[in-house]
Amino acid sequence: MYLFEARETDPMMEASHLIWETFGDFTDKAEDMERTARALSRTLASQDDVTAAVRALGATCTACHDIYREAN
């Protein structure tokens, strides 16, 4: 389902070790992004809708990346 490996397996991994320590929260955030994307895909009718959808979907990305992505 998710394409993350432990840093020991993939040294180039940008994912934080916190993914595995709080996997339930991580998967909740991933599922929220998926639900948001599916819901938004059914509501797009104009360019303005796309702009708003990208912002809404981006918020779900940020919610996860702020916690679970290592800064380079």
PDB file of N, CA and C in Angstrom:
ATOM      1  N   MET A   1       0.825  -1.188   0.000  1.00  0.00           N
ATOM      2  CA  MET A   1       0.000   0.000   0.000  1.00  0.00           C
ATOM      3  C   MET A   1       0.872   1.255   0.000  1.00  0.00           C
ATOM      4  N   TYR A   2       1.815   1.341   0.903  1.00  0.00           N
ATOM      5  CA  TYR A   2       2.671   2.511   0.961  1.00  0.00           C
ATOM      6  C   TYR A   2       4.072   2.117   0.532  1.00  0.00           C
ATOM      7  N   LEU A   3       4.754   2.998  -0.124  1.00  0.00           N
ATOM      8  CA  LEU A   3       6.038   2.674  -0.731  1.00  0.00           C
ATOM      9  C   LEU A   3       7.211   3.214   0.071  1.00  0.00           C
ATOM     10  N   PHE A   4       7.230   2.959   1.343  1.00  0.00           N
ATOM     11  CA  PHE A   4       8.298   3.435   2.198  1.00  0.00           C
ATOM     12  C   PHE A   4       9.036   2.246   2.783  1.00  0.00           C
ATOM     13  N   GLU A   5      10.339   2.348   2.781  1.00  0.00           N
ATOM     14  CA  GLU A   5      11.179   1.324   3.385  1.00  0.00           C
ATOM     15  C   GLU A   5      11.992   1.971   4.494  1.00  0.00           C
ATOM     16  N   ALA A   6      12.454   1.166   5.402  1.00  0.00           N
ATOM     17  CA  ALA A   6      13.309   1.676   6.472  1.00  0.00           C
ATOM     18  C   ALA A   6      14.612   2.201   5.880  1.00  0.00           C
ATOM     19  N   ARG A   7      15.176   3.190   6.513  1.00  0.00           N
ATOM     20  CA  ARG A   7      16.418   3.799   6.031  1.00  0.00           C
ATOM     21  C   ARG A   7      17.534   2.750   5.888  1.00  0.00           C
ATOM     22  N   GLU A   8      17.530   1.735   6.732  1.00  0.00           N
ATOM     23  CA  GLU A   8      18.545   0.686   6.626  1.00  0.00           C
ATOM     24  C   GLU A   8      18.454  -0.032   5.281  1.00  0.00           C
ATOM     25  N   THR A   9      17.245  -0.128   4.744  1.00  0.00           N
ATOM     26  CA  THR A   9      17.017  -0.786   3.465  1.00  0.00           C
ATOM     27  C   THR A   9      17.263   0.171   2.302  1.00  0.00           C
ATOM     28  N   ASP A  10      16.929   1.426   2.496  1.00  0.00           N
ATOM     29  CA  ASP A  10      17.063   2.445   1.446  1.00  0.00           C
ATOM     30  C   ASP A  10      17.731   3.679   2.034  1.00  0.00           C
ATOM     31  N   PRO A  11      19.060   3.777   1.934  1.00  0.00           N
ATOM     32  CA  PRO A  11      19.772   4.901   2.539  1.00  0.00           C
ATOM     33  C   PRO A  11      19.394   6.264   1.959  1.00  0.00           C
ATOM     34  N   MET A  12      18.814   6.307   0.783  1.00  0.00           N
ATOM     35  CA  MET A  12      18.412   7.569   0.157  1.00  0.00           C
ATOM     36  C   MET A  12      17.019   8.006   0.609  1.00  0.00           C
ATOM     37  N   MET A  13      16.396   7.231   1.460  1.00  0.00           N
ATOM     38  CA  MET A  13      15.039   7.500   1.928  1.00  0.00           C
ATOM     39  C   MET A  13      14.952   8.875   2.577  1.00  0.00           C
ATOM     40  N   GLU A  14      13.924   9.634   2.215  1.00  0.00           N
ATOM     41  CA  GLU A  14      13.683  10.939   2.816  1.00  0.00           C
ATOM     42  C   GLU A  14      12.615  10.868   3.898  1.00  0.00           C
ATOM     43  N   ALA A  15      12.094   9.686   4.126  1.00  0.00           N
ATOM     44  CA  ALA A  15      11.042   9.524   5.126  1.00  0.00           C
ATOM     45  C   ALA A  15      11.643   9.465   6.529  1.00  0.00           C
ATOM     46  N   SER A  16      10.958  10.052   7.446  1.00  0.00           N
ATOM     47  CA  SER A  16      11.388  10.066   8.841  1.00  0.00           C
ATOM     48  C   SER A  16      11.153   8.708   9.495  1.00  0.00           C
ATOM     49  N   HIS A  17      11.971   8.394  10.475  1.00  0.00           N
ATOM     50  CA  HIS A  17      11.778   7.186  11.272  1.00  0.00           C
ATOM     51  C   HIS A  17      10.442   7.216  12.014  1.00  0.00           C
ATOM     52  N   LEU A  18       9.861   8.394  12.159  1.00  0.00           N
ATOM     53  CA  LEU A  18       8.585   8.526  12.864  1.00  0.00           C
ATOM     54  C   LEU A  18       7.447   7.785  12.172  1.00  0.00           C
ATOM     55  N   ILE A  19       7.589   7.547  10.860  1.00  0.00           N
ATOM     56  CA  ILE A  19       6.547   6.783  10.155  1.00  0.00           C
ATOM     57  C   ILE A  19       6.300   5.463  10.868  1.00  0.00           C
ATOM     58  N   TRP A  20       7.382   4.762  11.199  1.00  0.00           N
ATOM     59  CA  TRP A  20       7.235   3.438  11.792  1.00  0.00           C
ATOM     60  C   TRP A  20       6.889   3.507  13.268  1.00  0.00           C
ATOM     61  N   GLU A  21       7.213   4.599  13.913  1.00  0.00           N
ATOM     62  CA  GLU A  21       6.894   4.740  15.333  1.00  0.00           C
ATOM     63  C   GLU A  21       5.439   5.135  15.550  1.00  0.00           C
ATOM     64  N   THR A  22       4.853   5.838  14.584  1.00  0.00           N
ATOM     65  CA  THR A  22       3.450   6.278  14.686  1.00  0.00           C
ATOM     66  C   THR A  22       2.726   5.918  13.392  1.00  0.00           C
ATOM     67  N   PHE A  23       2.833   4.646  13.001  1.00  0.00           N
ATOM     68  CA  PHE A  23       2.312   4.200  11.716  1.00  0.00           C
ATOM     69  C   PHE A  23       0.809   4.426  11.580  1.00  0.00           C
ATOM     70  N   GLY A  24       0.072   4.315  12.661  1.00  0.00           N
ATOM     71  CA  GLY A  24      -1.371   4.547  12.608  1.00  0.00           C
ATOM     72  C   GLY A  24      -1.700   5.969  12.166  1.00  0.00           C
ATOM     73  N   ASP A  25      -1.005   6.935  12.733  1.00  0.00           N
ATOM     74  CA  ASP A  25      -1.222   8.330  12.355  1.00  0.00           C
ATOM     75  C   ASP A  25      -0.796   8.560  10.909  1.00  0.00           C
ATOM     76  N   PHE A  26       0.333   7.980  10.531  1.00  0.00           N
ATOM     77  CA  PHE A  26       0.817   8.109   9.158  1.00  0.00           C
ATOM     78  C   PHE A  26      -0.213   7.560   8.164  1.00  0.00           C
ATOM     79  N   THR A  27      -0.728   6.374   8.427  1.00  0.00           N
ATOM     80  CA  THR A  27      -1.704   5.797   7.504  1.00  0.00           C
ATOM     81  C   THR A  27      -3.016   6.582   7.523  1.00  0.00           C
ATOM     82  N   ASP A  28      -3.406   7.122   8.675  1.00  0.00           N
ATOM     83  CA  ASP A  28      -4.605   7.974   8.727  1.00  0.00           C
ATOM     84  C   ASP A  28      -4.436   9.184   7.807  1.00  0.00           C
ATOM     85  N   LYS A  29      -3.264   9.802   7.840  1.00  0.00           N
ATOM     86  CA  LYS A  29      -3.016  10.971   6.994  1.00  0.00           C
ATOM     87  C   LYS A  29      -3.003  10.583   5.511  1.00  0.00           C
ATOM     88  N   ALA A  30      -2.421   9.444   5.194  1.00  0.00           N
ATOM     89  CA  ALA A  30      -2.400   8.969   3.806  1.00  0.00           C
ATOM     90  C   ALA A  30      -3.817   8.670   3.317  1.00  0.00           C
ATOM     91  N   GLU A  31      -4.609   8.057   4.157  1.00  0.00           N
ATOM     92  CA  GLU A  31      -5.991   7.753   3.787  1.00  0.00           C
ATOM     93  C   GLU A  31      -6.820   9.028   3.656  1.00  0.00           C
ATOM     94  N   ASP A  32      -6.541  10.026   4.484  1.00  0.00           N
ATOM     95  CA  ASP A  32      -7.219  11.316   4.364  1.00  0.00           C
ATOM     96  C   ASP A  32      -6.911  11.950   3.011  1.00  0.00           C
ATOM     97  N   MET A  33      -5.658  11.875   2.589  1.00  0.00           N
ATOM     98  CA  MET A  33      -5.287  12.414   1.286  1.00  0.00           C
ATOM     99  C   MET A  33      -6.039  11.686   0.170  1.00  0.00           C
ATOM    100  N   GLU A  34      -6.114  10.385   0.265  1.00  0.00           N
ATOM    101  CA  GLU A  34      -6.817   9.599  -0.755  1.00  0.00           C
ATOM    102  C   GLU A  34      -8.305   9.950  -0.784  1.00  0.00           C
ATOM    103  N   ARG A  35      -8.932  10.038   0.386  1.00  0.00           N
ATOM    104  CA  ARG A  35     -10.358  10.408   0.444  1.00  0.00           C
ATOM    105  C   ARG A  35     -10.587  11.796  -0.151  1.00  0.00           C
ATOM    106  N   THR A  36      -9.703  12.733   0.196  1.00  0.00           N
ATOM    107  CA  THR A  36      -9.829  14.098  -0.319  1.00  0.00           C
ATOM    108  C   THR A  36      -9.685  14.109  -1.835  1.00  0.00           C
ATOM    109  N   ALA A  37      -8.711  13.387  -2.364  1.00  0.00           N
ATOM    110  CA  ALA A  37      -8.497  13.339  -3.812  1.00  0.00           C
ATOM    111  C   ALA A  37      -9.706  12.742  -4.525  1.00  0.00           C
ATOM    112  N   ARG A  38     -10.247  11.673  -3.983  1.00  0.00           N
ATOM    113  CA  ARG A  38     -11.429  11.048  -4.606  1.00  0.00           C
ATOM    114  C   ARG A  38     -12.637  12.001  -4.585  1.00  0.00           C
ATOM    115  N   ALA A  39     -12.858  12.636  -3.459  1.00  0.00           N
ATOM    116  CA  ALA A  39     -13.990  13.559  -3.341  1.00  0.00           C
ATOM    117  C   ALA A  39     -13.820  14.740  -4.291  1.00  0.00           C
ATOM    118  N   LEU A  40     -12.626  15.282  -4.345  1.00  0.00           N
ATOM    119  CA  LEU A  40     -12.382  16.431  -5.223  1.00  0.00           C
ATOM    120  C   LEU A  40     -12.520  16.061  -6.695  1.00  0.00           C
ATOM    121  N   SER A  41     -12.130  14.866  -7.045  1.00  0.00           N
ATOM    122  CA  SER A  41     -12.197  14.455  -8.448  1.00  0.00           C
ATOM    123  C   SER A  41     -13.633  14.424  -8.969  1.00  0.00           C
ATOM    124  N   ARG A  42     -14.577  14.303  -8.066  1.00  0.00           N
ATOM    125  CA  ARG A  42     -15.991  14.263  -8.474  1.00  0.00           C
ATOM    126  C   ARG A  42     -16.623  15.654  -8.537  1.00  0.00           C
ATOM    127  N   THR A  43     -15.859  16.692  -8.166  1.00  0.00           N
ATOM    128  CA  THR A  43     -16.459  18.021  -8.082  1.00  0.00           C
ATOM    129  C   THR A  43     -15.847  19.033  -9.051  1.00  0.00           C
ATOM    130  N   LEU A  44     -14.888  18.614  -9.851  1.00  0.00           N
ATOM    131  CA  LEU A  44     -14.189  19.552 -10.729  1.00  0.00           C
ATOM    132  C   LEU A  44     -15.011  19.864 -11.973  1.00  0.00           C
ATOM    133  N   ALA A  45     -15.359  21.140 -12.138  1.00  0.00           N
ATOM    134  CA  ALA A  45     -16.141  21.547 -13.308  1.00  0.00           C
ATOM    135  C   ALA A  45     -15.530  22.759 -14.006  1.00  0.00           C
ATOM    136  N   SER A  46     -14.628  23.456 -13.331  1.00  0.00           N
ATOM    137  CA  SER A  46     -14.044  24.656 -13.928  1.00  0.00           C
ATOM    138  C   SER A  46     -12.601  24.818 -13.445  1.00  0.00           C
ATOM    139  N   GLN A  47     -11.884  25.755 -14.057  1.00  0.00           N
ATOM    140  CA  GLN A  47     -10.524  26.044 -13.632  1.00  0.00           C
ATOM    141  C   GLN A  47     -10.481  26.501 -12.173  1.00  0.00           C
ATOM    142  N   ASP A  48     -11.464  27.275 -11.768  1.00  0.00           N
ATOM    143  CA  ASP A  48     -11.527  27.709 -10.367  1.00  0.00           C
ATOM    144  C   ASP A  48     -11.655  26.514  -9.424  1.00  0.00           C
ATOM    145  N   ASP A  49     -12.409  25.488  -9.842  1.00  0.00           N
ATOM    146  CA  ASP A  49     -12.540  24.280  -9.033  1.00  0.00           C
ATOM    147  C   ASP A  49     -11.193  23.574  -8.890  1.00  0.00           C
ATOM    148  N   VAL A  50     -10.421  23.545  -9.971  1.00  0.00           N
ATOM    149  CA  VAL A  50      -9.121  22.881  -9.938  1.00  0.00           C
ATOM    150  C   VAL A  50      -8.183  23.606  -8.967  1.00  0.00           C
ATOM    151  N   THR A  51      -8.170  24.914  -9.026  1.00  0.00           N
ATOM    152  CA  THR A  51      -7.317  25.701  -8.136  1.00  0.00           C
ATOM    153  C   THR A  51      -7.658  25.421  -6.676  1.00  0.00           C
ATOM    154  N   ALA A  52      -8.929  25.432  -6.352  1.00  0.00           N
ATOM    155  CA  ALA A  52      -9.355  25.156  -4.979  1.00  0.00           C
ATOM    156  C   ALA A  52      -9.027  23.710  -4.595  1.00  0.00           C
ATOM    157  N   ALA A  53      -9.183  22.784  -5.525  1.00  0.00           N
ATOM    158  CA  ALA A  53      -8.910  21.380  -5.244  1.00  0.00           C
ATOM    159  C   ALA A  53      -7.428  21.154  -4.967  1.00  0.00           C
ATOM    160  N   VAL A  54      -6.578  21.801  -5.743  1.00  0.00           N
ATOM    161  CA  VAL A  54      -5.140  21.659  -5.526  1.00  0.00           C
ATOM    162  C   VAL A  54      -4.755  22.189  -4.144  1.00  0.00           C
ATOM    163  N   ARG A  55      -5.359  23.274  -3.751  1.00  0.00           N
ATOM    164  CA  ARG A  55      -5.071  23.806  -2.401  1.00  0.00           C
ATOM    165  C   ARG A  55      -5.526  22.833  -1.317  1.00  0.00           C
ATOM    166  N   ALA A  56      -6.723  22.289  -1.477  1.00  0.00           N
ATOM    167  CA  ALA A  56      -7.251  21.346  -0.477  1.00  0.00           C
ATOM    168  C   ALA A  56      -6.402  20.082  -0.423  1.00  0.00           C
ATOM    169  N   LEU A  57      -6.039  19.562  -1.572  1.00  0.00           N
ATOM    170  CA  LEU A  57      -5.217  18.362  -1.600  1.00  0.00           C
ATOM    171  C   LEU A  57      -3.820  18.658  -1.059  1.00  0.00           C
ATOM    172  N   GLY A  58      -3.288  19.811  -1.399  1.00  0.00           N
ATOM    173  CA  GLY A  58      -1.970  20.208  -0.892  1.00  0.00           C
ATOM    174  C   GLY A  58      -1.933  20.279   0.621  1.00  0.00           C
ATOM    175  N   ALA A  59      -3.030  20.666   1.224  1.00  0.00           N
ATOM    176  CA  ALA A  59      -3.086  20.729   2.688  1.00  0.00           C
ATOM    177  C   ALA A  59      -2.918  19.337   3.295  1.00  0.00           C
ATOM    178  N   THR A  60      -3.453  18.315   2.636  1.00  0.00           N
ATOM    179  CA  THR A  60      -3.278  16.953   3.152  1.00  0.00           C
ATOM    180  C   THR A  60      -1.838  16.500   2.981  1.00  0.00           C
ATOM    181  N   CYS A  61      -1.191  16.919   1.905  1.00  0.00           N
ATOM    182  CA  CYS A  61       0.226  16.584   1.701  1.00  0.00           C
ATOM    183  C   CYS A  61       1.071  17.231   2.793  1.00  0.00           C
ATOM    184  N   THR A  62       0.827  18.503   3.033  1.00  0.00           N
ATOM    185  CA  THR A  62       1.590  19.248   4.033  1.00  0.00           C
ATOM    186  C   THR A  62       1.413  18.637   5.422  1.00  0.00           C
ATOM    187  N   ALA A  63       0.203  18.217   5.746  1.00  0.00           N
ATOM    188  CA  ALA A  63      -0.057  17.630   7.066  1.00  0.00           C
ATOM    189  C   ALA A  63       0.849  16.428   7.315  1.00  0.00           C
ATOM    190  N   CYS A  64       1.124  15.676   6.280  1.00  0.00           N
ATOM    191  CA  CYS A  64       1.988  14.502   6.420  1.00  0.00           C
ATOM    192  C   CYS A  64       3.458  14.883   6.301  1.00  0.00           C
ATOM    193  N   HIS A  65       3.810  15.656   5.293  1.00  0.00           N
ATOM    194  CA  HIS A  65       5.218  16.009   5.071  1.00  0.00           C
ATOM    195  C   HIS A  65       5.812  16.785   6.235  1.00  0.00           C
ATOM    196  N   ASP A  66       5.026  17.620   6.877  1.00  0.00           N
ATOM    197  CA  ASP A  66       5.552  18.394   8.003  1.00  0.00           C
ATOM    198  C   ASP A  66       6.068  17.497   9.122  1.00  0.00           C
ATOM    199  N   ILE A  67       5.484  16.334   9.242  1.00  0.00           N
ATOM    200  CA  ILE A  67       5.859  15.412  10.323  1.00  0.00           C
ATOM    201  C   ILE A  67       6.767  14.293   9.829  1.00  0.00           C
ATOM    202  N   TYR A  68       6.461  13.722   8.670  1.00  0.00           N
ATOM    203  CA  TYR A  68       7.064  12.467   8.263  1.00  0.00           C
ATOM    204  C   TYR A  68       8.084  12.560   7.142  1.00  0.00           C
ATOM    205  N   ARG A  69       8.497  13.726   6.767  1.00  0.00           N
ATOM    206  CA  ARG A  69       9.528  13.847   5.744  1.00  0.00           C
ATOM    207  C   ARG A  69      10.740  14.532   6.335  1.00  0.00           C
ATOM    208  N   GLU A  70      11.891  13.912   6.167  1.00  0.00           N
ATOM    209  CA  GLU A  70      13.146  14.466   6.677  1.00  0.00           C
ATOM    210  C   GLU A  70      13.525  15.687   5.852  1.00  0.00           C
ATOM    211  N   ALA A  71      13.979  16.720   6.504  1.00  0.00           N
ATOM    212  CA  ALA A  71      14.474  17.911   5.798  1.00  0.00           C
ATOM    213  C   ALA A  71      15.866  17.614   5.272  1.00  0.00           C
ATOM    214  N   ASN A  72      16.113  18.044   4.063  1.00  0.00           N
ATOM    215  CA  ASN A  72      17.459  17.849   3.480  1.00  0.00           C
ATOM    216  C   ASN A  72      18.246  19.124   3.552  1.00  0.00           C
TER     217      ASN A  72
END
